[in-house]
Amino acid sequence: MKTITYVTGNIAKIESAKNALTPLGFEIDNIKMETPEIQANDVEEVSKYSAKWASEKLNKPVLKNDSGLFVNGLKGFPGVYTKYAEETIDVDGLLKLMEGLEDRTAYFKESIAYCEPGEEPVVFVGLTKGRIDTKKSGTNGWSWDYVFIPEGEEEPLACFEDNKKWSFWSQDAYKELAKYLETKK
């Protein structure tokens, strides 16, 4: 069984990777470590750079994820600056910026980079579509969960239990990664 190290402290990301890759004979372990996050215009570039750095540092195959919330009515903001926006303006600031906007559609873009030592990273992308509510709701979540309503739903993510909440997230990137790894065997 080939082991891939997921460089993250996010349990949900680790579980998603395990669900997609364990049936194919890949073991997922993880390490929580700080990696450089370059300033870039797209989450793919950020995840690629971090994966390459971590793979060389650890000398083993790694996964590195970067994601962003892209709000169409704000021309894609916060995008790659999602973490910074969370730390500065937070959810209340986002809602304030969106006052009076009709287009509240948004999506989370998740970029998963796979890299082996000495090789260039390969990137897989998934989109979770939805919209931004006009107010915060729910009790089970963090940050954007209180305002992000997944496509086809009427309530923000924070209104759902974890096992239901995770089902809304796109698994496309993990599925594509699994196909790629299967062809590399």
C-alpha atoms as a PDB file:
ATOM      1  CA  MET A   1       0.000   0.000   0.000  1.00  0.00           C
ATOM      2  CA  LYS A   2       1.413   3.392  -0.996  1.00  0.00           C
ATOM      3  CA  THR A   3       1.306   6.108   1.657  1.00  0.00           C
ATOM      4  CA  ILE A   4       0.502   9.721   0.856  1.00  0.00           C
ATOM      5  CA  THR A   5       0.954  12.409   3.474  1.00  0.00           C
ATOM      6  CA  TYR A   6      -1.761  15.063   3.590  1.00  0.00           C
ATOM      7  CA  VAL A   7      -0.248  18.295   4.847  1.00  0.00           C
ATOM      8  CA  THR A   8      -3.210  19.671   6.791  1.00  0.00           C
ATOM      9  CA  GLY A   9      -4.747  19.810  10.224  1.00  0.00           C
ATOM     10  CA  ASN A  10      -8.284  19.751   8.823  1.00  0.00           C
ATOM     11  CA  ILE A  11      -9.967  16.456   9.766  1.00  0.00           C
ATOM     12  CA  ALA A  12     -12.683  16.837   7.095  1.00  0.00           C
ATOM     13  CA  LYS A  13     -10.057  17.123   4.343  1.00  0.00           C
ATOM     14  CA  ILE A  14      -8.260  14.054   5.652  1.00  0.00           C
ATOM     15  CA  GLU A  15     -11.496  12.034   5.769  1.00  0.00           C
ATOM     16  CA  SER A  16     -12.416  13.101   2.215  1.00  0.00           C
ATOM     17  CA  ALA A  17      -9.028  11.944   0.959  1.00  0.00           C
ATOM     18  CA  LYS A  18      -9.299   8.637   2.825  1.00  0.00           C
ATOM     19  CA  ASN A  19     -12.796   7.984   1.437  1.00  0.00           C
ATOM     20  CA  ALA A  20     -11.593   8.522  -2.128  1.00  0.00           C
ATOM     21  CA  LEU A  21      -8.146   6.898  -1.977  1.00  0.00           C
ATOM     22  CA  THR A  22      -8.197   4.062   0.589  1.00  0.00           C
ATOM     23  CA  PRO A  23     -10.380   1.806  -1.625  1.00  0.00           C
ATOM     24  CA  LEU A  24      -7.692   2.154  -4.307  1.00  0.00           C
ATOM     25  CA  GLY A  25      -4.975   0.919  -1.986  1.00  0.00           C
ATOM     26  CA  PHE A  26      -3.558   4.241  -0.824  1.00  0.00           C
ATOM     27  CA  GLU A  27      -2.988   4.943   2.839  1.00  0.00           C
ATOM     28  CA  ILE A  28      -3.442   8.551   3.936  1.00  0.00           C
ATOM     29  CA  ASP A  29      -1.510   9.851   6.881  1.00  0.00           C
ATOM     30  CA  ASN A  30      -1.167  13.472   7.795  1.00  0.00           C
ATOM     31  CA  ILE A  31       1.100  16.041   9.250  1.00  0.00           C
ATOM     32  CA  LYS A  32       0.186  19.515  10.353  1.00  0.00           C
ATOM     33  CA  MET A  33       2.962  21.870   9.355  1.00  0.00           C
ATOM     34  CA  GLU A  34       3.220  25.429   8.154  1.00  0.00           C
ATOM     35  CA  THR A  35       4.040  25.756   4.466  1.00  0.00           C
ATOM     36  CA  PRO A  36       4.774  28.907   2.519  1.00  0.00           C
ATOM     37  CA  GLU A  37       1.695  30.440   0.906  1.00  0.00           C
ATOM     38  CA  ILE A  38       2.730  32.510  -2.050  1.00  0.00           C
ATOM     39  CA  GLN A  39       0.785  35.565  -3.142  1.00  0.00           C
ATOM     40  CA  ALA A  40      -1.004  34.431  -6.291  1.00  0.00           C
ATOM     41  CA  ASN A  41      -4.212  35.134  -8.151  1.00  0.00           C
ATOM     42  CA  ASP A  42      -5.469  31.564  -8.020  1.00  0.00           C
ATOM     43  CA  VAL A  43      -5.751  28.803  -5.435  1.00  0.00           C
ATOM     44  CA  GLU A  44      -4.121  26.320  -7.843  1.00  0.00           C
ATOM     45  CA  GLU A  45      -0.837  28.240  -7.814  1.00  0.00           C
ATOM     46  CA  VAL A  46      -0.867  28.435  -4.020  1.00  0.00           C
ATOM     47  CA  SER A  47      -1.504  24.689  -3.552  1.00  0.00           C
ATOM     48  CA  LYS A  48       1.100  23.736  -6.182  1.00  0.00           C
ATOM     49  CA  TYR A  49       3.828  25.784  -4.576  1.00  0.00           C
ATOM     50  CA  SER A  50       3.045  24.522  -1.073  1.00  0.00           C
ATOM     51  CA  ALA A  51       2.860  20.877  -2.230  1.00  0.00           C
ATOM     52  CA  LYS A  52       6.221  21.087  -4.004  1.00  0.00           C
ATOM     53  CA  TRP A  53       7.806  22.709  -0.955  1.00  0.00           C
ATOM     54  CA  ALA A  54       6.355  20.116   1.468  1.00  0.00           C
ATOM     55  CA  SER A  55       7.238  17.163  -0.762  1.00  0.00           C
ATOM     56  CA  GLU A  56      10.869  18.255  -0.954  1.00  0.00           C
ATOM     57  CA  LYS A  57      11.035  19.068   2.757  1.00  0.00           C
ATOM     58  CA  LEU A  58       9.480  15.736   3.836  1.00  0.00           C
ATOM     59  CA  ASN A  59      10.974  13.714   0.955  1.00  0.00           C
ATOM     60  CA  LYS A  60       7.721  11.865   0.329  1.00  0.00           C
ATOM     61  CA  PRO A  61       4.509  12.149  -1.721  1.00  0.00           C
ATOM     62  CA  VAL A  62       2.162  14.778  -0.318  1.00  0.00           C
ATOM     63  CA  LEU A  63      -1.231  16.351  -0.803  1.00  0.00           C
ATOM     64  CA  LYS A  64      -1.711  20.042  -0.137  1.00  0.00           C
ATOM     65  CA  ASN A  65      -4.992  21.861  -0.348  1.00  0.00           C
ATOM     66  CA  ASP A  66      -5.866  25.484  -0.839  1.00  0.00           C
ATOM     67  CA  SER A  67      -9.364  26.832  -1.177  1.00  0.00           C
ATOM     68  CA  GLY A  68     -11.167  30.092  -1.477  1.00  0.00           C
ATOM     69  CA  LEU A  69     -14.642  31.573  -1.351  1.00  0.00           C
ATOM     70  CA  PHE A  70     -15.474  33.412  -4.569  1.00  0.00           C
ATOM     71  CA  VAL A  71     -18.487  35.751  -4.434  1.00  0.00           C
ATOM     72  CA  ASN A  72     -19.728  36.665  -7.893  1.00  0.00           C
ATOM     73  CA  GLY A  73     -21.368  39.954  -6.831  1.00  0.00           C
ATOM     74  CA  LEU A  74     -18.001  41.060  -5.414  1.00  0.00           C
ATOM     75  CA  LYS A  75     -16.100  40.124  -8.607  1.00  0.00           C
ATOM     76  CA  GLY A  76     -14.664  36.995  -6.986  1.00  0.00           C
ATOM     77  CA  PHE A  77     -13.638  38.546  -3.668  1.00  0.00           C
ATOM     78  CA  PRO A  78     -12.381  37.244  -1.283  1.00  0.00           C
ATOM     79  CA  GLY A  79     -11.021  34.434  -3.540  1.00  0.00           C
ATOM     80  CA  VAL A  80      -7.410  33.582  -2.697  1.00  0.00           C
ATOM     81  CA  TYR A  81      -7.635  36.063   0.183  1.00  0.00           C
ATOM     82  CA  THR A  82     -10.375  34.114   1.977  1.00  0.00           C
ATOM     83  CA  LYS A  83      -8.305  33.398   5.087  1.00  0.00           C
ATOM     84  CA  TYR A  84      -7.173  37.023   5.258  1.00  0.00           C
ATOM     85  CA  ALA A  85     -10.767  38.236   4.838  1.00  0.00           C
ATOM     86  CA  GLU A  86     -11.854  35.900   7.626  1.00  0.00           C
ATOM     87  CA  GLU A  87      -9.161  37.278   9.926  1.00  0.00           C
ATOM     88  CA  THR A  88      -9.904  40.933   9.116  1.00  0.00           C
ATOM     89  CA  ILE A  89     -13.478  41.673   8.022  1.00  0.00           C
ATOM     90  CA  ASP A  90     -14.948  38.290   9.018  1.00  0.00           C
ATOM     91  CA  VAL A  91     -18.485  37.241   8.094  1.00  0.00           C
ATOM     92  CA  ASP A  92     -20.055  40.488   9.314  1.00  0.00           C
ATOM     93  CA  GLY A  93     -17.794  42.499   7.020  1.00  0.00           C
ATOM     94  CA  LEU A  94     -18.653  40.296   4.046  1.00  0.00           C
ATOM     95  CA  LEU A  95     -22.360  40.758   4.722  1.00  0.00           C
ATOM     96  CA  LYS A  96     -21.826  44.515   4.979  1.00  0.00           C
ATOM     97  CA  LEU A  97     -19.980  44.560   1.633  1.00  0.00           C
ATOM     98  CA  MET A  98     -22.873  42.664   0.061  1.00  0.00           C
ATOM     99  CA  GLU A  99     -25.669  44.929   1.309  1.00  0.00           C
ATOM    100  CA  GLY A 100     -27.922  45.791  -1.625  1.00  0.00           C
ATOM    101  CA  LEU A 101     -26.302  43.299  -4.022  1.00  0.00           C
ATOM    102  CA  GLU A 102     -28.705  41.191  -6.035  1.00  0.00           C
ATOM    103  CA  ASP A 103     -26.147  38.643  -7.230  1.00  0.00           C
ATOM    104  CA  ARG A 104     -25.348  36.625  -4.118  1.00  0.00           C
ATOM    105  CA  THR A 105     -24.112  33.520  -5.958  1.00  0.00           C
ATOM    106  CA  ALA A 106     -20.808  32.179  -4.748  1.00  0.00           C
ATOM    107  CA  TYR A 107     -18.656  29.098  -4.791  1.00  0.00           C
ATOM    108  CA  PHE A 108     -15.841  27.495  -2.879  1.00  0.00           C
ATOM    109  CA  LYS A 109     -12.987  26.484  -5.137  1.00  0.00           C
ATOM    110  CA  GLU A 110     -10.828  23.725  -3.726  1.00  0.00           C
ATOM    111  CA  SER A 111      -7.458  22.952  -5.259  1.00  0.00           C
ATOM    112  CA  ILE A 112      -5.687  19.745  -4.263  1.00  0.00           C
ATOM    113  CA  ALA A 113      -2.074  19.429  -5.342  1.00  0.00           C
ATOM    114  CA  TYR A 114      -0.304  16.057  -5.341  1.00  0.00           C
ATOM    115  CA  CYS A 115       3.487  16.070  -5.493  1.00  0.00           C
ATOM    116  CA  GLU A 116       6.224  13.474  -5.297  1.00  0.00           C
ATOM    117  CA  PRO A 117       9.811  14.448  -4.462  1.00  0.00           C
ATOM    118  CA  GLY A 118      11.699  15.649  -7.534  1.00  0.00           C
ATOM    119  CA  GLU A 119       8.534  15.990  -9.629  1.00  0.00           C
ATOM    120  CA  GLU A 120       6.195  18.824 -10.502  1.00  0.00           C
ATOM    121  CA  PRO A 121       2.851  18.956  -8.672  1.00  0.00           C
ATOM    122  CA  VAL A 122      -0.375  17.851 -10.336  1.00  0.00           C
ATOM    123  CA  VAL A 123      -3.495  19.840  -9.416  1.00  0.00           C
ATOM    124  CA  PHE A 124      -7.144  18.790  -9.182  1.00  0.00           C
ATOM    125  CA  VAL A 125      -9.998  21.260  -8.651  1.00  0.00           C
ATOM    126  CA  GLY A 126     -13.509  20.972  -7.232  1.00  0.00           C
ATOM    127  CA  LEU A 127     -16.246  23.603  -6.969  1.00  0.00           C
ATOM    128  CA  THR A 128     -18.977  23.743  -4.340  1.00  0.00           C
ATOM    129  CA  LYS A 129     -21.642  26.136  -5.598  1.00  0.00           C
ATOM    130  CA  GLY A 130     -24.154  28.112  -3.582  1.00  0.00           C
ATOM    131  CA  ARG A 131     -25.028  31.610  -2.501  1.00  0.00           C
ATOM    132  CA  ILE A 132     -24.408  33.999   0.381  1.00  0.00           C
ATOM    133  CA  ASP A 133     -27.319  34.588   2.746  1.00  0.00           C
ATOM    134  CA  THR A 134     -28.302  38.074   3.937  1.00  0.00           C
ATOM    135  CA  LYS A 135     -27.730  37.162   7.607  1.00  0.00           C
ATOM    136  CA  LYS A 136     -25.866  34.653   9.763  1.00  0.00           C
ATOM    137  CA  SER A 137     -27.721  31.473  10.760  1.00  0.00           C
ATOM    138  CA  GLY A 138     -26.956  28.207  12.502  1.00  0.00           C
ATOM    139  CA  THR A 139     -24.863  26.984  15.401  1.00  0.00           C
ATOM    140  CA  ASN A 140     -22.623  24.300  13.874  1.00  0.00           C
ATOM    141  CA  GLY A 141     -19.763  25.721  11.913  1.00  0.00           C
ATOM    142  CA  TRP A 142     -16.967  28.170  11.460  1.00  0.00           C
ATOM    143  CA  SER A 143     -16.784  31.488   9.669  1.00  0.00           C
ATOM    144  CA  TRP A 144     -18.388  31.248   6.223  1.00  0.00           C
ATOM    145  CA  ASP A 145     -20.557  28.256   7.252  1.00  0.00           C
ATOM    146  CA  TYR A 146     -22.946  30.752   8.842  1.00  0.00           C
ATOM    147  CA  VAL A 147     -23.712  32.482   5.521  1.00  0.00           C
ATOM    148  CA  PHE A 148     -22.900  30.013   2.711  1.00  0.00           C
ATOM    149  CA  ILE A 149     -26.015  28.204   1.441  1.00  0.00           C
ATOM    150  CA  PRO A 150     -25.133  25.184  -0.731  1.00  0.00           C
ATOM    151  CA  GLU A 151     -26.835  24.899  -4.099  1.00  0.00           C
ATOM    152  CA  GLY A 152     -30.261  23.273  -3.736  1.00  0.00           C
ATOM    153  CA  GLU A 153     -30.577  24.129  -0.044  1.00  0.00           C
ATOM    154  CA  GLU A 154     -32.388  26.878   1.863  1.00  0.00           C
ATOM    155  CA  GLU A 155     -30.155  27.171   4.933  1.00  0.00           C
ATOM    156  CA  PRO A 156     -26.444  27.885   5.474  1.00  0.00           C
ATOM    157  CA  LEU A 157     -23.996  25.084   6.207  1.00  0.00           C
ATOM    158  CA  ALA A 158     -23.963  25.937   9.932  1.00  0.00           C
ATOM    159  CA  CYS A 159     -27.564  24.711  10.159  1.00  0.00           C
ATOM    160  CA  PHE A 160     -26.538  21.120   9.345  1.00  0.00           C
ATOM    161  CA  GLU A 161     -24.843  18.399  11.378  1.00  0.00           C
ATOM    162  CA  ASP A 162     -21.298  17.584  10.276  1.00  0.00           C
ATOM    163  CA  ASN A 163     -22.169  14.289   8.572  1.00  0.00           C
ATOM    164  CA  LYS A 164     -24.743  16.092   6.397  1.00  0.00           C
ATOM    165  CA  LYS A 165     -22.620  19.219   5.954  1.00  0.00           C
ATOM    166  CA  TRP A 166     -19.688  17.291   4.453  1.00  0.00           C
ATOM    167  CA  SER A 167     -22.014  15.770   1.846  1.00  0.00           C
ATOM    168  CA  PHE A 168     -22.482  19.188   0.221  1.00  0.00           C
ATOM    169  CA  TRP A 169     -18.790  19.626  -0.574  1.00  0.00           C
ATOM    170  CA  SER A 170     -17.622  18.695  -4.026  1.00  0.00           C
ATOM    171  CA  GLN A 171     -15.635  15.464  -4.176  1.00  0.00           C
ATOM    172  CA  ASP A 172     -14.609  16.083  -7.805  1.00  0.00           C
ATOM    173  CA  ALA A 173     -10.984  16.952  -7.001  1.00  0.00           C
ATOM    174  CA  TYR A 174     -10.525  13.795  -4.901  1.00  0.00           C
ATOM    175  CA  LYS A 175     -12.164  11.634  -7.571  1.00  0.00           C
ATOM    176  CA  GLU A 176      -9.856  13.050 -10.260  1.00  0.00           C
ATOM    177  CA  LEU A 177      -6.852  12.578  -7.979  1.00  0.00           C
ATOM    178  CA  ALA A 178      -7.895   8.955  -7.393  1.00  0.00           C
ATOM    179  CA  LYS A 179      -8.112   8.347 -11.175  1.00  0.00           C
ATOM    180  CA  TYR A 180      -4.690   9.913 -11.659  1.00  0.00           C
ATOM    181  CA  LEU A 181      -3.090   7.812  -8.922  1.00  0.00           C
ATOM    182  CA  GLU A 182      -4.729   4.666 -10.269  1.00  0.00           C
ATOM    183  CA  THR A 183      -3.095   5.242 -13.675  1.00  0.00           C
ATOM    184  CA  LYS A 184       0.301   5.834 -11.993  1.00  0.00           C
ATOM    185  CA  LYS A 185       0.266   2.482 -10.165  1.00  0.00           C
END
